[in-house]
N, C-alpha and C. Protein backbone atom coordinates (compact mmCIF):
# COMPACT_ATOMS: atom_id res chain seq x y z
N MET A 1 17.41 11.74 15.35
CA MET A 1 17.11 10.43 14.86
C MET A 1 17.40 10.34 13.36
N THR A 2 18.52 10.79 12.94
CA THR A 2 18.85 10.76 11.53
C THR A 2 19.24 9.35 11.11
N GLY A 3 18.76 8.95 9.94
CA GLY A 3 19.10 7.65 9.42
C GLY A 3 18.33 6.49 10.01
N ARG A 4 17.43 6.76 10.90
CA ARG A 4 16.64 5.70 11.53
C ARG A 4 15.19 5.81 11.10
N THR A 5 14.58 4.66 10.93
CA THR A 5 13.17 4.62 10.57
C THR A 5 12.33 4.79 11.82
N ARG A 6 11.34 5.65 11.74
CA ARG A 6 10.40 5.84 12.85
C ARG A 6 9.21 4.92 12.62
N TYR A 7 8.83 4.17 13.63
CA TYR A 7 7.72 3.24 13.55
C TYR A 7 6.53 3.78 14.34
N LEU A 8 5.35 3.66 13.75
CA LEU A 8 4.13 4.17 14.36
C LEU A 8 3.22 3.01 14.74
N THR A 9 2.43 3.20 15.78
CA THR A 9 1.43 2.20 16.13
C THR A 9 0.25 2.33 15.18
N VAL A 10 -0.59 1.31 15.17
CA VAL A 10 -1.81 1.35 14.35
C VAL A 10 -2.67 2.55 14.75
N ALA A 11 -2.77 2.80 16.04
CA ALA A 11 -3.58 3.93 16.52
C ALA A 11 -3.00 5.27 16.05
N GLU A 12 -1.68 5.40 16.04
CA GLU A 12 -1.05 6.64 15.57
C GLU A 12 -1.31 6.86 14.09
N VAL A 13 -1.20 5.79 13.29
CA VAL A 13 -1.47 5.90 11.86
C VAL A 13 -2.93 6.28 11.65
N ALA A 14 -3.84 5.61 12.35
CA ALA A 14 -5.27 5.89 12.21
C ALA A 14 -5.57 7.33 12.56
N ASP A 15 -4.99 7.82 13.63
CA ASP A 15 -5.21 9.21 14.04
C ASP A 15 -4.67 10.18 13.00
N HIS A 16 -3.49 9.88 12.47
CA HIS A 16 -2.86 10.79 11.50
C HIS A 16 -3.65 10.90 10.20
N ILE A 17 -4.16 9.76 9.70
CA ILE A 17 -4.88 9.81 8.42
C ILE A 17 -6.40 9.82 8.61
N ARG A 18 -6.84 9.96 9.86
CA ARG A 18 -8.27 10.14 10.19
C ARG A 18 -9.15 8.99 9.71
N VAL A 19 -8.72 7.76 10.05
CA VAL A 19 -9.53 6.58 9.78
C VAL A 19 -9.56 5.75 11.07
N SER A 20 -10.34 4.68 11.06
CA SER A 20 -10.42 3.83 12.25
C SER A 20 -9.22 2.88 12.30
N ASN A 21 -8.99 2.34 13.49
CA ASN A 21 -7.94 1.34 13.64
C ASN A 21 -8.20 0.14 12.73
N MET A 22 -9.46 -0.25 12.61
CA MET A 22 -9.81 -1.40 11.77
C MET A 22 -9.45 -1.16 10.31
N THR A 23 -9.59 0.07 9.84
CA THR A 23 -9.21 0.40 8.47
C THR A 23 -7.70 0.21 8.29
N VAL A 24 -6.93 0.63 9.27
CA VAL A 24 -5.47 0.45 9.19
C VAL A 24 -5.13 -1.04 9.20
N TYR A 25 -5.78 -1.82 10.08
CA TYR A 25 -5.54 -3.27 10.10
C TYR A 25 -5.90 -3.89 8.75
N SER A 26 -6.98 -3.45 8.14
CA SER A 26 -7.38 -3.96 6.82
C SER A 26 -6.32 -3.64 5.77
N LEU A 27 -5.79 -2.43 5.80
CA LEU A 27 -4.74 -2.04 4.86
C LEU A 27 -3.48 -2.88 5.06
N VAL A 28 -3.16 -3.18 6.31
CA VAL A 28 -1.99 -4.01 6.61
C VAL A 28 -2.22 -5.43 6.09
N HIS A 29 -3.37 -6.01 6.42
CA HIS A 29 -3.65 -7.40 6.03
C HIS A 29 -3.79 -7.57 4.51
N SER A 30 -4.24 -6.53 3.83
CA SER A 30 -4.38 -6.63 2.37
C SER A 30 -3.05 -6.41 1.66
N GLY A 31 -2.04 -5.94 2.39
CA GLY A 31 -0.74 -5.68 1.78
C GLY A 31 -0.59 -4.28 1.23
N ASP A 32 -1.61 -3.45 1.39
CA ASP A 32 -1.54 -2.08 0.90
C ASP A 32 -0.70 -1.17 1.78
N LEU A 33 -0.50 -1.58 3.04
CA LEU A 33 0.28 -0.79 3.98
C LEU A 33 1.32 -1.71 4.61
N GLU A 34 2.58 -1.36 4.43
CA GLU A 34 3.69 -2.13 4.98
C GLU A 34 3.67 -2.04 6.51
N ALA A 35 3.92 -3.16 7.17
CA ALA A 35 3.97 -3.17 8.63
C ALA A 35 4.88 -4.28 9.11
N VAL A 36 5.36 -4.13 10.33
CA VAL A 36 6.20 -5.12 10.98
C VAL A 36 5.44 -5.63 12.19
N ARG A 37 5.41 -6.95 12.33
CA ARG A 37 4.72 -7.53 13.48
C ARG A 37 5.69 -7.58 14.65
N VAL A 38 5.27 -7.02 15.78
CA VAL A 38 6.07 -7.04 17.01
C VAL A 38 5.21 -7.69 18.08
N GLY A 39 5.50 -8.93 18.37
CA GLY A 39 4.64 -9.67 19.30
C GLY A 39 3.27 -9.86 18.68
N ARG A 40 2.25 -9.34 19.35
CA ARG A 40 0.89 -9.46 18.84
C ARG A 40 0.40 -8.18 18.19
N SER A 41 1.26 -7.19 18.06
CA SER A 41 0.84 -5.92 17.48
C SER A 41 1.66 -5.60 16.24
N PHE A 42 1.23 -4.57 15.53
CA PHE A 42 1.92 -4.13 14.32
C PHE A 42 2.53 -2.76 14.54
N ARG A 43 3.65 -2.52 13.85
CA ARG A 43 4.25 -1.20 13.78
C ARG A 43 4.41 -0.87 12.30
N VAL A 44 4.06 0.36 11.96
CA VAL A 44 4.08 0.81 10.58
C VAL A 44 5.23 1.81 10.41
N PRO A 45 6.15 1.54 9.48
CA PRO A 45 7.20 2.52 9.22
C PRO A 45 6.56 3.83 8.73
N GLU A 46 7.05 4.94 9.23
CA GLU A 46 6.46 6.23 8.86
C GLU A 46 6.46 6.43 7.35
N HIS A 47 7.53 5.99 6.68
CA HIS A 47 7.60 6.16 5.23
C HIS A 47 6.50 5.37 4.52
N ALA A 48 6.07 4.24 5.09
CA ALA A 48 5.01 3.43 4.47
C ALA A 48 3.68 4.18 4.51
N MET A 49 3.41 4.87 5.61
CA MET A 49 2.19 5.66 5.71
C MET A 49 2.22 6.80 4.68
N GLU A 50 3.36 7.45 4.57
CA GLU A 50 3.50 8.55 3.61
C GLU A 50 3.37 8.05 2.17
N ASP A 51 3.96 6.88 1.89
CA ASP A 51 3.84 6.28 0.55
C ASP A 51 2.39 5.96 0.22
N LEU A 52 1.66 5.41 1.18
CA LEU A 52 0.25 5.09 0.97
C LEU A 52 -0.54 6.36 0.63
N LEU A 53 -0.29 7.42 1.36
CA LEU A 53 -1.00 8.67 1.09
C LEU A 53 -0.62 9.23 -0.28
N ASP A 54 0.67 9.15 -0.63
CA ASP A 54 1.12 9.67 -1.92
C ASP A 54 0.46 8.94 -3.09
N LYS A 55 0.32 7.63 -2.98
CA LYS A 55 -0.27 6.88 -4.10
C LYS A 55 -1.79 6.87 -4.07
N SER A 56 -2.39 7.44 -3.03
CA SER A 56 -3.85 7.43 -2.90
C SER A 56 -4.53 8.71 -3.38
N TYR A 57 -3.75 9.67 -3.84
CA TYR A 57 -4.35 10.92 -4.31
C TYR A 57 -5.23 10.67 -5.52
N PHE A 58 -6.36 11.35 -5.54
CA PHE A 58 -7.30 11.24 -6.63
C PHE A 58 -7.73 12.63 -7.03
N ASP A 59 -7.51 12.99 -8.28
CA ASP A 59 -7.84 14.33 -8.76
C ASP A 59 -9.27 14.35 -9.26
N VAL A 60 -10.18 14.87 -8.46
CA VAL A 60 -11.59 14.89 -8.78
C VAL A 60 -11.90 15.91 -9.87
N GLY A 61 -11.15 16.98 -9.93
CA GLY A 61 -11.44 18.05 -10.86
C GLY A 61 -10.88 17.87 -12.24
N CYS A 62 -10.26 16.75 -12.52
CA CYS A 62 -9.61 16.55 -13.81
C CYS A 62 -10.57 15.82 -14.77
N PRO A 63 -11.07 16.49 -15.81
CA PRO A 63 -11.99 15.85 -16.74
C PRO A 63 -11.37 14.66 -17.48
N SER A 64 -10.05 14.66 -17.66
CA SER A 64 -9.42 13.56 -18.37
C SER A 64 -9.47 12.26 -17.58
N ALA A 65 -9.74 12.35 -16.29
CA ALA A 65 -9.84 11.15 -15.46
C ALA A 65 -11.05 10.30 -15.84
N PHE A 66 -12.03 10.93 -16.49
CA PHE A 66 -13.26 10.22 -16.85
C PHE A 66 -13.31 9.84 -18.33
N ALA A 67 -12.29 10.21 -19.06
CA ALA A 67 -12.27 9.93 -20.50
C ALA A 67 -11.84 8.51 -20.79
């Protein structure tokens, strides 16, 4: 599947990042997670899930974060 975008269901995204389906729907509706509407359901491009995780990292051990 080279060169093709893989699309995940809301349930697959929720399972992968260990949150509820409702949390994924909230992320989609708020615009924080890119998704494509297919009929009455959503599909999330795999890269969008990875981008969300990349930008969500928080370094708890960094003292400069509190300065």
